[in-house]
Protein backbone atom coordinates (compact mmCIF):
# COMPACT_ATOMS: atom_id res chain seq x y z
CA MET A 1 0.00 0.00 0.00
CA ALA A 2 1.40 3.38 -1.02
CA ASP A 3 2.37 5.92 1.58
CA PRO A 4 -0.19 8.72 2.00
CA THR A 5 0.43 11.82 -0.06
CA GLY A 6 0.68 15.38 1.14
CA ASP A 7 -2.83 16.07 -0.17
CA GLN A 8 -4.16 13.19 1.93
CA LEU A 9 -2.26 14.19 5.08
CA ARG A 10 -2.96 17.91 4.92
CA PRO A 11 -6.60 17.70 6.14
CA LEU A 12 -5.44 15.70 9.18
CA LEU A 13 -2.79 18.27 10.00
CA LEU A 14 -5.31 21.08 9.58
CA GLN A 15 -7.59 19.38 12.12
CA LEU A 16 -4.69 19.39 14.58
CA ILE A 17 -3.81 23.02 13.80
CA PHE A 18 -7.38 24.20 14.37
CA GLY A 19 -7.88 21.88 17.33
CA PHE A 20 -8.09 24.66 19.89
CA PHE A 21 -11.01 26.40 18.15
CA PRO A 22 -13.71 23.85 19.17
CA ALA A 23 -12.47 23.88 22.77
CA GLN A 24 -13.34 27.56 23.08
CA VAL A 25 -16.72 27.05 21.40
CA LEU A 26 -17.54 24.37 23.98
CA TYR A 27 -16.28 26.52 26.85
CA VAL A 28 -18.45 29.50 25.92
CA ALA A 29 -21.50 27.28 25.46
CA ALA A 30 -20.96 25.69 28.87
CA ARG A 31 -20.23 28.98 30.62
CA LEU A 32 -23.37 30.57 29.16
CA GLY A 33 -25.42 27.51 30.12
CA ILE A 34 -26.76 26.99 26.59
CA PRO A 35 -27.26 23.21 27.03
CA ASP A 36 -29.25 23.79 30.23
CA LEU A 37 -31.44 26.36 28.52
CA LEU A 38 -32.25 23.87 25.75
CA ALA A 39 -33.01 20.98 28.10
CA ASN A 40 -36.78 21.34 27.57
CA GLY A 41 -36.68 21.81 23.81
CA PRO A 42 -35.35 23.94 20.94
CA GLN A 43 -35.22 27.73 21.15
CA GLY A 44 -34.53 30.52 18.74
CA ALA A 45 -31.20 32.32 18.73
CA ASP A 46 -32.80 35.68 19.59
CA ARG A 47 -34.49 34.29 22.68
CA LEU A 48 -31.29 32.59 23.82
CA ALA A 49 -29.37 35.82 23.30
CA GLN A 50 -31.84 37.70 25.47
CA THR A 51 -31.64 35.07 28.23
CA THR A 52 -27.84 34.98 28.21
CA SER A 53 -27.34 38.76 27.74
CA THR A 54 -25.30 38.21 24.60
CA HIS A 55 -25.18 39.79 21.14
CA ALA A 56 -27.83 38.05 19.03
CA GLY A 57 -25.81 37.96 15.82
CA ALA A 58 -22.65 36.72 17.52
CA LEU A 59 -24.55 34.09 19.50
CA SER A 60 -26.19 32.84 16.28
CA ARG A 61 -22.75 32.22 14.87
CA LEU A 62 -21.70 30.35 18.02
CA LEU A 63 -24.86 28.22 17.86
CA ARG A 64 -24.16 27.41 14.22
CA ALA A 65 -20.62 26.28 15.17
CA LEU A 66 -22.07 24.09 17.93
CA ALA A 67 -24.42 22.52 15.38
CA TYR A 68 -21.49 21.74 13.07
CA LEU A 69 -19.75 20.07 16.02
CA GLY A 70 -22.83 17.95 16.69
CA VAL A 71 -23.49 19.51 20.09
CA LEU A 72 -26.66 21.22 18.83
CA GLU A 73 -28.94 20.68 15.84
CA GLU A 74 -30.65 23.39 13.84
CA THR A 75 -34.25 22.17 13.88
CA GLU A 76 -35.40 25.02 11.64
CA PRO A 77 -33.63 28.17 10.44
CA GLY A 78 -32.38 30.09 13.49
CA CYS A 79 -33.78 27.57 16.00
CA PHE A 80 -31.51 25.15 17.84
CA GLY A 81 -32.03 22.02 19.92
CA LEU A 82 -29.81 19.81 22.03
CA THR A 83 -28.29 16.55 20.76
CA ASP A 84 -27.35 13.56 22.91
CA LEU A 85 -23.73 14.74 22.73
CA GLY A 86 -24.68 18.25 23.83
CA ALA A 87 -26.74 16.88 26.73
CA LEU A 88 -23.45 15.87 28.40
CA LEU A 89 -22.78 19.60 28.87
CA ARG A 90 -25.85 20.07 31.05
CA ARG A 91 -25.08 20.65 34.70
CA ASP A 92 -27.90 18.50 36.08
CA VAL A 93 -27.32 15.12 34.38
CA PRO A 94 -25.53 12.23 36.15
CA ASP A 95 -22.84 11.92 33.46
CA SER A 96 -22.31 15.68 33.07
CA MET A 97 -19.03 16.99 31.67
CA TRP A 98 -19.92 20.64 32.28
CA ALA A 99 -17.29 21.33 34.94
CA THR A 100 -14.67 19.32 33.03
CA THR A 101 -15.25 21.61 30.05
CA LEU A 102 -14.94 24.76 32.17
CA LEU A 103 -11.72 23.54 33.78
CA PHE A 104 -9.85 22.32 30.72
CA CYS A 105 -11.19 24.79 28.15
CA GLY A 106 -11.42 27.83 30.44
CA GLU A 107 -9.32 30.91 30.97
CA GLY A 108 -6.75 29.37 33.30
CA ALA A 109 -5.95 26.45 30.98
CA TRP A 110 -6.06 28.79 27.98
CA ARG A 111 -3.40 31.07 29.50
CA SER A 112 -1.16 28.23 30.65
CA TRP A 113 -1.17 26.37 27.33
CA GLY A 114 -0.25 29.64 25.64
CA SER A 115 2.99 29.41 27.63
CA LEU A 116 3.92 25.92 26.43
CA LEU A 117 6.93 27.14 24.45
CA THR A 118 8.32 28.91 27.53
CA SER A 119 7.77 25.85 29.72
CA VAL A 120 9.46 23.58 27.18
CA ARG A 121 12.43 25.95 27.07
CA THR A 122 12.72 26.35 30.84
CA GLY A 123 11.22 23.15 32.26
CA GLN A 124 9.18 25.34 34.62
CA PRO A 125 5.39 25.59 35.04
CA ALA A 126 3.50 28.48 33.48
CA PHE A 127 2.44 29.98 36.82
CA GLU A 128 4.50 32.40 38.87
CA PRO A 129 6.05 31.22 42.17
CA GLY A 130 3.44 31.33 44.92
CA GLU A 131 0.54 31.14 42.43
CA GLU A 132 0.15 27.38 42.28
CA PRO A 133 -3.34 26.33 41.10
CA PHE A 134 -4.26 24.67 44.40
CA THR A 135 -3.37 27.89 46.23
CA ARG A 136 -5.62 29.83 43.87
CA PHE A 137 -8.47 27.38 44.34
CA ALA A 138 -8.27 27.79 48.11
CA ALA A 139 -8.66 31.56 47.70
CA ASP A 140 -11.46 31.44 45.08
CA PRO A 141 -14.57 29.55 46.22
CA GLN A 142 -16.17 29.49 42.74
CA ALA A 143 -13.00 28.23 41.04
CA SER A 144 -12.56 25.67 43.83
CA ALA A 145 -16.14 24.42 43.48
CA GLU A 146 -15.82 24.08 39.70
CA PHE A 147 -12.48 22.27 40.05
CA ASN A 148 -13.92 19.88 42.65
CA GLN A 149 -16.92 19.21 40.40
CA ALA A 150 -14.65 18.52 37.42
CA MET A 151 -12.65 16.03 39.48
CA SER A 152 -15.87 14.41 40.66
CA GLU A 153 -17.14 14.12 37.07
CA GLY A 154 -13.96 12.31 36.05
CA THR A 155 -14.04 10.03 39.07
CA ARG A 156 -17.67 9.06 38.44
CA ARG A 157 -16.64 7.86 34.98
CA ASP A 158 -13.67 5.90 36.37
CA ALA A 159 -15.18 4.50 39.58
CA PRO A 160 -17.02 1.49 38.08
CA GLY A 161 -13.84 0.24 36.40
CA ILE A 162 -11.84 0.67 39.61
CA VAL A 163 -14.42 -1.22 41.66
CA GLU A 164 -14.59 -4.00 39.03
CA SER A 165 -10.83 -4.36 38.70
CA TYR A 166 -9.74 -4.55 42.33
CA ASP A 167 -11.09 -6.64 45.20
CA PHE A 168 -11.42 -4.30 48.19
CA ARG A 169 -13.03 -7.01 50.35
CA HIS A 170 -9.71 -7.97 51.95
CA LEU A 171 -9.47 -4.49 53.50
CA GLN A 172 -11.15 -3.34 56.68
CA ARG A 173 -10.39 0.39 56.64
CA LEU A 174 -9.49 2.41 53.56
CA VAL A 175 -8.21 6.00 53.52
CA ASP A 176 -8.78 7.90 50.27
CA VAL A 177 -5.87 10.34 50.39
CA GLY A 178 -6.71 13.53 48.50
CA GLY A 179 -10.18 12.06 47.99
CA GLY A 180 -12.00 15.35 47.34
CA ASP A 181 -15.76 15.09 47.65
CA GLY A 182 -15.68 11.36 48.37
CA THR A 183 -17.05 10.20 44.99
CA LEU A 184 -14.60 7.31 44.65
CA LEU A 185 -14.76 6.25 48.30
CA ALA A 186 -18.57 6.27 48.13
CA ALA A 187 -18.51 3.95 45.10
CA ILE A 188 -16.06 1.57 46.77
CA LEU A 189 -17.99 1.47 50.05
CA ALA A 190 -21.27 0.91 48.22
CA ALA A 191 -19.75 -2.13 46.50
CA THR A 192 -18.00 -3.43 49.66
CA PRO A 193 -20.52 -3.61 52.51
CA ASP A 194 -18.08 -4.58 55.29
CA LEU A 195 -15.51 -1.89 54.48
CA HIS A 196 -15.08 1.34 56.46
CA GLY A 197 -13.47 4.39 54.90
CA VAL A 198 -11.99 7.81 55.42
CA VAL A 199 -11.94 10.58 52.85
CA PHE A 200 -8.96 12.82 53.60
CA ASP A 201 -8.29 16.18 51.94
CA THR A 202 -8.01 19.89 52.56
CA ALA A 203 -11.04 21.81 53.80
CA ALA A 204 -11.64 23.22 50.31
CA GLY A 205 -11.45 19.77 48.75
CA LEU A 206 -13.85 18.26 51.29
CA ALA A 207 -16.56 20.92 50.94
CA GLN A 208 -19.13 18.51 49.44
CA ALA A 209 -17.83 15.24 50.89
CA ALA A 210 -20.31 14.74 53.72
CA ALA A 211 -23.27 15.37 51.42
CA ARG A 212 -21.86 13.03 48.76
CA LEU A 213 -21.34 10.18 51.23
CA GLU A 214 -24.80 10.72 52.72
CA ALA A 215 -26.42 10.68 49.27
CA ALA A 216 -24.63 7.41 48.47
CA GLY A 217 -26.00 5.82 51.66
CA VAL A 218 -22.56 5.06 53.11
CA ALA A 219 -22.12 7.90 55.62
CA ASP A 220 -22.44 5.46 58.54
CA ARG A 221 -19.23 3.72 57.39
CA ALA A 222 -17.27 6.80 56.39
CA GLU A 223 -15.37 9.61 58.07
CA VAL A 224 -14.49 13.00 56.62
CA VAL A 225 -11.09 14.14 57.88
CA GLY A 226 -9.34 17.37 56.95
CA GLY A 227 -5.59 17.81 56.81
CA ASP A 228 -2.48 18.19 54.69
CA PHE A 229 -0.97 15.04 53.17
CA PHE A 230 2.42 16.74 53.12
CA GLU A 231 2.28 16.72 56.92
CA SER A 232 0.56 13.43 57.76
CA VAL A 233 -2.32 11.12 56.87
CA PRO A 234 -4.78 9.29 59.16
CA GLU A 235 -3.22 6.30 60.91
CA GLY A 236 -4.40 2.76 61.40
CA ALA A 237 -5.87 1.83 58.00
CA ASP A 238 -4.87 -1.23 56.01
CA GLY A 239 -5.39 0.54 52.68
CA TYR A 240 -4.26 3.98 51.46
CA LEU A 241 -5.77 4.97 48.12
CA MET A 242 -4.66 7.87 45.91
CA LYS A 243 -6.34 8.60 42.60
CA SER A 244 -4.88 11.32 40.36
CA VAL A 245 -2.79 12.65 43.26
CA ILE A 246 0.76 11.55 42.52
CA HIS A 247 0.76 13.05 39.02
CA ASP A 248 0.18 16.53 40.48
CA TRP A 249 3.57 16.75 42.21
CA ASP A 250 7.31 16.61 41.61
CA ASP A 251 9.28 13.56 42.76
CA GLU A 252 10.34 15.05 46.10
CA ARG A 253 6.81 15.91 47.16
CA CYS A 254 5.47 12.58 45.88
CA VAL A 255 7.97 10.80 48.10
CA THR A 256 6.81 12.95 51.04
CA ILE A 257 3.17 11.89 50.49
CA LEU A 258 4.09 8.24 50.09
CA ALA A 259 6.42 8.30 53.10
CA ASN A 260 3.61 9.77 55.21
CA CYS A 261 1.42 6.87 54.12
CA ARG A 262 4.22 4.43 54.99
CA ARG A 263 4.53 5.88 58.49
CA ALA A 264 0.80 5.70 59.08
CA MET A 265 0.29 2.12 57.87
CA ALA A 266 0.89 -1.24 59.47
CA ASP A 267 3.32 -3.68 57.86
CA HIS A 268 0.48 -5.69 56.28
CA ALA A 269 -1.23 -2.63 54.75
CA LYS A 270 -1.29 -1.58 51.10
CA VAL A 271 -0.88 1.63 49.13
CA LEU A 272 -3.06 1.79 46.01
CA ILE A 273 -2.14 4.39 43.39
CA VAL A 274 -4.66 4.95 40.62
CA GLU A 275 -2.87 6.64 37.72
CA PRO A 276 -2.08 6.05 34.05
CA VAL A 277 1.19 4.21 33.50
CA LEU A 278 3.12 5.56 30.53
CA PRO A 279 4.61 2.98 28.17
CA ASP A 280 8.38 2.93 27.81
CA THR A 281 8.01 3.68 24.10
CA VAL A 282 5.22 5.84 22.67
CA THR A 283 3.29 4.74 19.59
CA PRO A 284 0.35 6.61 18.02
CA SER A 285 -2.78 5.92 20.05
CA PHE A 286 -5.96 7.99 20.13
CA ARG A 287 -6.99 6.31 23.42
CA ARG A 288 -3.69 7.26 25.03
CA LEU A 289 -3.57 10.76 23.58
CA GLY A 290 -5.28 12.21 26.64
CA VAL A 291 -2.56 10.82 28.92
CA ILE A 292 0.20 12.44 26.86
CA MET A 293 -1.69 15.74 26.80
CA SER A 294 -2.21 15.41 30.56
CA ASP A 295 1.55 15.06 30.97
CA LEU A 296 2.05 18.42 29.23
CA ASN A 297 -0.81 19.89 31.27
CA MET A 298 1.04 18.82 34.42
CA LEU A 299 4.18 20.53 33.10
CA LEU A 300 2.23 23.75 32.62
CA ASN A 301 -0.05 23.80 35.63
CA THR A 302 1.61 21.78 38.40
CA THR A 303 5.07 20.54 39.27
CA GLY A 304 4.01 16.99 38.39
CA ARG A 305 4.03 14.57 35.47
CA GLU A 306 2.63 11.29 34.20
CA ARG A 307 5.07 8.42 34.87
CA THR A 308 6.31 5.08 33.61
CA GLU A 309 6.38 1.89 35.67
CA ALA A 310 10.09 2.42 36.38
CA GLU A 311 9.44 5.95 37.62
CA PHE A 312 6.66 4.74 39.93
CA ARG A 313 8.98 2.03 41.28
CA SER A 314 11.61 4.66 42.02
CA LEU A 315 9.16 6.89 43.92
CA LEU A 316 7.83 3.97 45.94
CA GLY A 317 11.31 2.70 46.75
CA ALA A 318 12.34 6.11 48.09
CA ALA A 319 9.38 5.90 50.50
CA ASP A 320 10.27 2.38 51.71
CA LEU A 321 7.49 0.84 49.60
CA GLY A 322 7.70 -1.83 46.93
CA LEU A 323 5.50 -2.24 43.86
CA VAL A 324 3.75 -5.63 44.05
CA ARG A 325 1.60 -5.56 40.91
CA ILE A 326 -0.11 -3.33 38.38
CA VAL A 327 -3.81 -3.98 37.72
CA PRO A 328 -4.95 -2.42 34.42
CA ILE A 329 -8.48 -1.03 34.39
CA PRO A 330 -10.29 -2.16 31.21
CA PRO A 331 -10.94 0.35 28.38
CA PRO A 332 -12.15 2.96 27.92
CA SER A 333 -10.22 3.82 31.10
CA VAL A 334 -6.53 4.65 30.72
CA TYR A 335 -5.86 4.10 34.43
CA SER A 336 -4.17 1.27 36.29
CA ILE A 337 -4.07 0.42 39.99
CA LEU A 338 -0.51 0.15 41.31
CA GLU A 339 -0.48 -1.93 44.49
CA ALA A 340 2.46 -1.42 46.85
CA THR A 341 3.40 -2.75 50.27
CA PRO A 342 6.13 -1.91 52.77
CA ALA A 343 9.52 -2.85 51.32
């Protein structure tokens, strides 16, 4: 079979070049609440413009772009309805991706990704010293709430695969370190009736945790504990779970978190890290593309990174922990569960 020609490859490259355009279209639609406004049926562009306090002509052009993306459909000239794809951008649906869109397509991500060239040249994040994202979230209740909701949305998608892939029944007490609003712990406790759990995070991260655990019907087997995992974690559990925590931090701070877990745990206990594991050699993969983009996002917005198995082994070893096994979570998830025990 002949190699593709330039004329055949050019449309693919153009899609990549223009890739950031749709992200902003989705962000504006989500921020304006367009999908929520269309939840009960199609509306005209003029009416939507009045409701959202936007320029009617400009909003019509945005709505047309959303229709081309398949998020909306133009049911008649100038009138737009919601598609199944667009319904995922509603705030009030169980599988909502509204907050995810705001976080990764919003102003903060937009600014940081504009600094990618500088970060590649310097190896430093795009934020100024003292302006780390988690510091900003603590000072901005709205940004914190939207970040927490985005993390919860992602965890809801991943939780069934985590529960299916790992048998938590051999544990008696599980601490979800950096567990946010308790979405993952609630799913694990619901599937493991004899297990007791602790969701551990900062006060800002835990803002919705009690309500989430209550709604899941597991509050009687769960504690909500505030603190700083760079200082210590709750003692006495036989399982310490961290999902999407280690990738946020540089090696030194990762070792601090893991060492705090090691100090708090008994010799028979386990550390469970839920993260993607980068392959040693990268090959083109649409399913894995998000992990590679996440690695660059960590470069820009945190001090962290995505890691290979060897890099995880090194972190664990520095904290007196040893990697026992890696449990892949079936597709479409890109996560694995890395199980470690005291070395």
